[in-house]
Amino acid sequence: MSYERDRRNTYGENDKSSRKNIPRGKRLASRAARRSASVALVDVRGPVDVVGVVEGYGGPDVVDGAPADRVEQRIAGRRPPRFGKWRDTPLGDVVAHQLGRRVAVDPAGAMVADRRILRLEHRLGRRIGPDEIDIAPWIRSLAMIDRQIRLRDGDRLRDWVTRRLTMVRRAERAGAFTRYDVALQDARFVAGLHRDGIAAVVADLLPPVDTVVRECLARIPVSERAVRAGRSADAHRIRDTFRLVDAVSPLGAYVVDPAVATQLRAWRRLRRKR
């Protein structure tokens, strides 16, 4: 089981409802696509000679394919109805959110929940700095904000996105996050917004993709040569390096600066070889 790769359904419905509604949504989308094609073919239904195809010597010959061509272009030009499933949430974010709710309901268990959140963040590799400062409240707050972002739209969505970016900077000023943590948080957050189709709505609030990728590449703690050598002394730093590379890899399609794109491709190739 992986906190990053395993996911949980957080759409809000119960398990049986989702189990029934997801296949139903796919069936309805396919039915609508078939219906759209059937309506477009009404114009070319009828005898074969009306369509423009006649039986010639050695097989059918096309005399006038204009009606059929128009229907084909009409069908190809339409965007077929498609069922879009709400993306499941990584297990680590779900656990952090549940621990945060548990603290809100039972303040007496806050110390135990904070220790569990801290242990969870260490397993996820979201912190590499010293542990003198308690980062559990910050992580718990970010997890709750991430859930609100997925449930909101319009001005409320923009408010939550602004709050999320501001809280990461506040955590850095308080000493809870290092520059590595900030770069990793920003990369994962921006990549998640692009993945869920939200980034276009709040593009003016987000840092440029080139800036996010450049900052992550600048925080890589080892060189490419050290990664290729793979010494045991560098194991932890190599792991932290690949976490940054994995975080910015989904943003590669949105990078504009050729130098940044080239550097990112080099690290991604190195990541695939490991």
Protein backbone atom coordinates (compact mmCIF):
# COMPACT_ATOMS: atom_id res chain seq x y z
CA MET A 1 0.00 0.00 0.00
CA SER A 2 1.28 3.46 -0.95
CA TYR A 3 0.17 6.81 0.47
CA GLU A 4 0.94 8.46 -2.88
CA ARG A 5 -0.22 5.89 -5.46
CA ASP A 6 -3.27 4.39 -3.72
CA ARG A 7 -6.34 6.59 -3.87
CA ARG A 8 -9.74 6.84 -2.26
CA ASN A 9 -13.08 8.02 -3.60
CA THR A 10 -13.87 11.36 -1.92
CA TYR A 11 -16.63 12.56 -4.24
CA GLY A 12 -19.15 12.47 -1.39
CA GLU A 13 -21.38 9.54 -2.33
CA ASN A 14 -21.49 6.24 -0.53
CA ASP A 15 -19.66 3.24 -1.99
CA LYS A 16 -22.72 1.56 -3.48
CA SER A 17 -23.91 4.77 -5.12
CA SER A 18 -20.55 5.32 -6.81
CA ARG A 19 -20.35 1.67 -7.81
CA LYS A 20 -23.68 1.99 -9.61
CA ASN A 21 -23.46 5.55 -10.91
CA ILE A 22 -20.03 5.34 -12.56
CA PRO A 23 -20.99 2.50 -14.98
CA ARG A 24 -24.36 4.20 -15.51
CA GLY A 25 -22.66 7.47 -16.46
CA LYS A 26 -20.43 5.67 -18.95
CA ARG A 27 -23.44 3.92 -20.50
CA LEU A 28 -25.37 7.18 -20.85
CA ALA A 29 -22.41 8.89 -22.50
CA SER A 30 -22.02 6.04 -25.00
CA ARG A 31 -25.76 6.08 -25.67
CA ALA A 32 -25.68 9.81 -26.36
CA ALA A 33 -22.77 9.33 -28.78
CA ARG A 34 -24.65 6.62 -30.67
CA ARG A 35 -27.75 8.78 -30.76
CA SER A 36 -25.80 11.73 -32.16
CA ALA A 37 -24.35 9.57 -34.96
CA SER A 38 -27.76 8.08 -35.70
CA VAL A 39 -29.34 11.52 -36.10
CA ALA A 40 -26.55 12.63 -38.43
CA LEU A 41 -27.09 9.57 -40.64
CA VAL A 42 -30.74 10.40 -41.27
CA ASP A 43 -29.79 12.50 -44.29
CA VAL A 44 -28.12 9.60 -46.10
CA ARG A 45 -30.67 6.91 -45.38
CA GLY A 46 -32.57 5.51 -48.32
CA PRO A 47 -31.85 3.63 -51.53
CA VAL A 48 -28.26 3.12 -52.49
CA ASP A 49 -28.46 5.28 -55.62
CA VAL A 50 -29.67 8.24 -53.55
CA VAL A 51 -26.52 8.14 -51.48
CA GLY A 52 -24.45 8.21 -54.61
CA VAL A 53 -23.20 4.61 -54.75
CA VAL A 54 -24.19 2.34 -57.64
CA GLU A 55 -23.26 -1.15 -58.57
CA GLY A 56 -20.61 -1.08 -61.25
CA TYR A 57 -18.62 -3.69 -63.01
CA GLY A 58 -16.48 -5.52 -60.49
CA GLY A 59 -18.07 -3.89 -57.45
CA PRO A 60 -19.69 -0.69 -56.15
CA ASP A 61 -18.59 2.60 -57.68
CA VAL A 62 -18.95 5.98 -55.97
CA VAL A 63 -20.70 8.41 -58.28
CA ASP A 64 -21.27 11.30 -55.92
CA GLY A 65 -20.04 10.96 -52.33
CA ALA A 66 -20.87 14.51 -51.26
CA PRO A 67 -23.78 13.59 -48.92
CA ALA A 68 -21.80 10.84 -47.25
CA ASP A 69 -18.75 13.10 -46.95
CA ARG A 70 -20.81 15.83 -45.33
CA VAL A 71 -22.23 13.39 -42.79
CA GLU A 72 -18.80 11.99 -42.04
CA GLN A 73 -17.39 15.46 -41.48
CA ARG A 74 -20.37 16.35 -39.32
CA ILE A 75 -19.86 13.33 -37.10
CA ALA A 76 -16.08 13.81 -36.91
CA GLY A 77 -16.47 17.52 -36.08
CA ARG A 78 -18.64 16.87 -33.05
CA ARG A 79 -17.14 16.30 -29.69
CA PRO A 80 -18.57 12.99 -28.49
CA PRO A 81 -20.32 13.02 -25.13
CA ARG A 82 -17.92 11.74 -22.51
CA PHE A 83 -18.34 10.72 -18.91
CA GLY A 84 -15.89 12.43 -16.57
CA LYS A 85 -15.20 10.72 -13.26
CA TRP A 86 -14.08 12.81 -10.32
CA ARG A 87 -10.44 11.96 -9.70
CA ASP A 88 -9.80 10.02 -6.49
CA THR A 89 -7.68 11.58 -3.76
CA PRO A 90 -4.27 10.15 -2.76
CA LEU A 91 -4.48 8.06 0.38
CA GLY A 92 -1.99 10.28 2.22
CA ASP A 93 -4.19 13.36 1.78
CA VAL A 94 -7.27 11.41 2.88
CA VAL A 95 -5.55 10.19 6.06
CA ALA A 96 -4.28 13.69 6.87
CA HIS A 97 -7.78 15.11 6.41
CA GLN A 98 -9.33 12.43 8.63
CA LEU A 99 -6.79 13.08 11.36
CA GLY A 100 -7.54 16.80 11.12
CA ARG A 101 -11.28 16.17 11.54
CA ARG A 102 -10.56 13.90 14.48
CA VAL A 103 -8.71 16.74 16.22
CA ALA A 104 -11.64 19.11 15.58
CA VAL A 105 -14.10 16.66 17.14
CA ASP A 106 -11.90 15.56 20.03
CA PRO A 107 -9.27 18.16 21.04
CA ALA A 108 -8.00 15.78 23.71
CA GLY A 109 -6.58 13.55 20.97
CA ALA A 110 -4.76 16.39 19.22
CA MET A 111 -1.32 15.29 20.44
CA VAL A 112 -1.76 11.73 19.14
CA ALA A 113 -3.18 12.96 15.83
CA ASP A 114 -0.34 15.43 15.38
CA ARG A 115 2.25 12.71 15.92
CA ARG A 116 0.52 10.54 13.34
CA ILE A 117 0.41 13.40 10.84
CA LEU A 118 4.11 14.05 11.40
CA ARG A 119 4.89 10.38 10.82
CA LEU A 120 2.74 10.41 7.71
CA GLU A 121 4.54 13.44 6.30
CA HIS A 122 7.92 11.80 6.89
CA ARG A 123 6.77 8.73 4.97
CA LEU A 124 5.54 10.91 2.13
CA GLY A 125 8.84 12.78 2.06
CA ARG A 126 7.20 16.18 2.37
CA ARG A 127 9.68 17.42 4.95
CA ILE A 128 13.46 17.13 5.10
CA GLY A 129 14.27 19.82 7.69
CA PRO A 130 14.66 19.54 11.48
CA ASP A 131 11.76 18.50 13.65
CA GLU A 132 11.97 21.18 16.35
CA ILE A 133 8.94 22.98 14.86
CA ASP A 134 5.60 21.20 14.86
CA ILE A 135 4.44 21.01 11.23
CA ALA A 136 1.37 18.85 11.87
CA PRO A 137 -1.08 21.81 12.19
CA TRP A 138 0.16 23.25 8.91
CA ILE A 139 -0.18 19.95 7.06
CA ARG A 140 -3.61 19.40 8.55
CA SER A 141 -4.77 22.84 7.42
CA LEU A 142 -3.41 22.36 3.89
CA ALA A 143 -5.18 19.02 3.58
CA MET A 144 -8.50 20.62 4.58
CA ILE A 145 -7.96 23.49 2.11
CA ASP A 146 -7.19 21.04 -0.71
CA ARG A 147 -10.50 19.31 -0.08
CA GLN A 148 -12.37 22.62 -0.13
CA ILE A 149 -10.74 23.54 -3.46
CA ARG A 150 -12.09 20.38 -5.05
CA LEU A 151 -15.61 21.15 -3.84
CA ARG A 152 -15.84 24.86 -4.71
CA ASP A 153 -16.18 26.97 -7.82
CA GLY A 154 -16.36 30.64 -8.80
CA ASP A 155 -15.18 33.23 -6.32
CA ARG A 156 -15.08 30.75 -3.45
CA LEU A 157 -12.67 28.58 -5.43
CA ARG A 158 -10.41 31.58 -6.01
CA ASP A 159 -10.49 32.45 -2.31
CA TRP A 160 -9.43 28.95 -1.30
CA VAL A 161 -6.62 28.86 -3.87
CA THR A 162 -5.31 32.20 -2.57
CA ARG A 163 -5.55 30.95 1.00
CA ARG A 164 -3.63 27.81 0.11
CA LEU A 165 -0.74 29.67 -1.51
CA THR A 166 -0.61 32.15 1.37
CA MET A 167 -0.55 29.42 4.02
CA VAL A 168 2.47 27.73 2.41
CA ARG A 169 4.37 31.05 2.59
CA ARG A 170 3.28 31.57 6.19
CA ALA A 171 4.58 28.10 7.08
CA GLU A 172 7.92 28.98 5.50
CA ARG A 173 8.16 32.23 7.46
CA ALA A 174 7.31 30.37 10.66
CA GLY A 175 10.12 27.89 10.01
CA ALA A 176 7.80 24.91 9.54
CA PHE A 177 8.64 24.56 5.82
CA THR A 178 12.01 24.73 4.12
CA ARG A 179 12.55 26.02 0.59
CA TYR A 180 12.46 22.40 -0.52
CA ASP A 181 9.05 21.96 1.10
CA VAL A 182 7.68 25.11 -0.53
CA ALA A 183 8.88 24.08 -3.99
CA LEU A 184 7.42 20.59 -3.55
CA GLN A 185 4.10 21.89 -2.25
CA ASP A 186 3.74 24.40 -5.08
CA ALA A 187 4.62 21.86 -7.76
CA ARG A 188 2.17 19.27 -6.49
CA PHE A 189 -0.54 21.86 -6.04
CA VAL A 190 -0.20 23.42 -9.50
CA ALA A 191 0.08 19.98 -11.14
CA GLY A 192 -3.09 18.88 -9.35
CA LEU A 193 -4.99 21.93 -10.58
CA HIS A 194 -3.91 21.22 -14.17
CA ARG A 195 -4.85 17.58 -13.76
CA ASP A 196 -8.34 18.43 -12.50
CA GLY A 197 -8.92 21.14 -15.13
CA ILE A 198 -9.04 23.97 -12.57
CA ALA A 199 -5.80 25.77 -13.45
CA ALA A 200 -7.34 27.74 -16.33
CA VAL A 201 -9.96 29.25 -13.99
CA VAL A 202 -7.39 30.51 -11.46
CA ALA A 203 -4.40 31.04 -13.77
CA ASP A 204 -3.97 34.66 -12.67
CA LEU A 205 -3.53 33.54 -9.04
CA LEU A 206 -0.93 30.84 -9.67
CA PRO A 207 2.80 31.30 -10.13
CA PRO A 208 3.96 30.70 -13.73
CA VAL A 209 4.67 27.07 -14.55
CA ASP A 210 8.22 27.93 -15.62
CA THR A 211 8.85 29.52 -12.22
CA VAL A 212 7.49 26.48 -10.36
CA VAL A 213 9.58 24.03 -12.40
CA ARG A 214 12.71 26.22 -12.21
CA GLU A 215 12.39 26.47 -8.41
CA CYS A 216 12.04 22.70 -8.04
CA LEU A 217 15.05 22.04 -10.25
CA ALA A 218 17.06 24.57 -8.23
CA ARG A 219 16.23 22.70 -5.00
CA ILE A 220 17.53 19.34 -6.22
CA PRO A 221 20.12 18.37 -3.58
CA VAL A 222 22.38 16.17 -5.75
CA SER A 223 23.98 16.29 -9.19
CA GLU A 224 23.19 14.03 -12.11
CA ARG A 225 26.58 12.37 -11.71
CA ALA A 226 25.83 11.52 -8.08
CA VAL A 227 22.49 10.02 -9.08
CA ARG A 228 24.15 7.86 -11.73
CA ALA A 229 26.76 6.73 -9.19
CA GLY A 230 24.01 5.73 -6.77
CA ARG A 231 26.14 5.68 -3.63
CA SER A 232 24.41 4.56 -0.46
CA ALA A 233 25.49 7.76 1.30
CA ASP A 234 23.35 9.76 -1.16
CA ALA A 235 20.29 7.49 -0.94
CA HIS A 236 18.15 9.97 1.00
CA ARG A 237 19.09 12.91 -1.19
CA ILE A 238 18.45 10.89 -4.34
CA ARG A 239 15.03 9.98 -2.99
CA ASP A 240 14.28 13.66 -2.31
CA THR A 241 15.51 14.52 -5.80
CA PHE A 242 13.14 12.11 -7.47
CA ARG A 243 10.25 13.40 -5.40
CA LEU A 244 10.84 16.82 -6.92
CA VAL A 245 11.17 15.35 -10.40
CA ASP A 246 7.95 13.36 -9.99
CA ALA A 247 6.16 16.47 -8.73
CA VAL A 248 7.08 18.64 -11.75
CA SER A 249 6.88 15.94 -14.43
CA PRO A 250 3.15 16.56 -15.10
CA LEU A 251 3.97 20.23 -15.75
CA GLY A 252 6.42 19.45 -18.55
CA ALA A 253 3.75 20.00 -21.21
CA TYR A 254 3.17 23.57 -19.98
CA VAL A 255 6.82 24.74 -19.80
CA VAL A 256 7.64 27.59 -22.21
CA ASP A 257 11.34 28.23 -21.53
CA PRO A 258 13.39 25.85 -23.74
CA ALA A 259 16.27 25.73 -21.25
CA VAL A 260 13.97 24.69 -18.39
CA ALA A 261 12.24 22.13 -20.62
CA THR A 262 15.58 20.61 -21.64
CA GLN A 263 16.75 20.36 -18.05
CA LEU A 264 13.49 18.78 -16.96
CA ARG A 265 13.65 16.21 -19.76
CA ALA A 266 17.17 15.26 -18.70
CA TRP A 267 16.06 14.61 -15.11
CA ARG A 268 13.01 12.69 -16.30
CA ARG A 269 15.17 10.43 -18.46
CA LEU A 270 17.42 9.85 -15.48
CA ARG A 271 14.37 9.08 -13.36
CA ARG A 272 13.15 6.43 -15.80
CA LYS A 273 16.52 4.69 -15.74
CA ARG A 274 16.45 4.31 -11.98
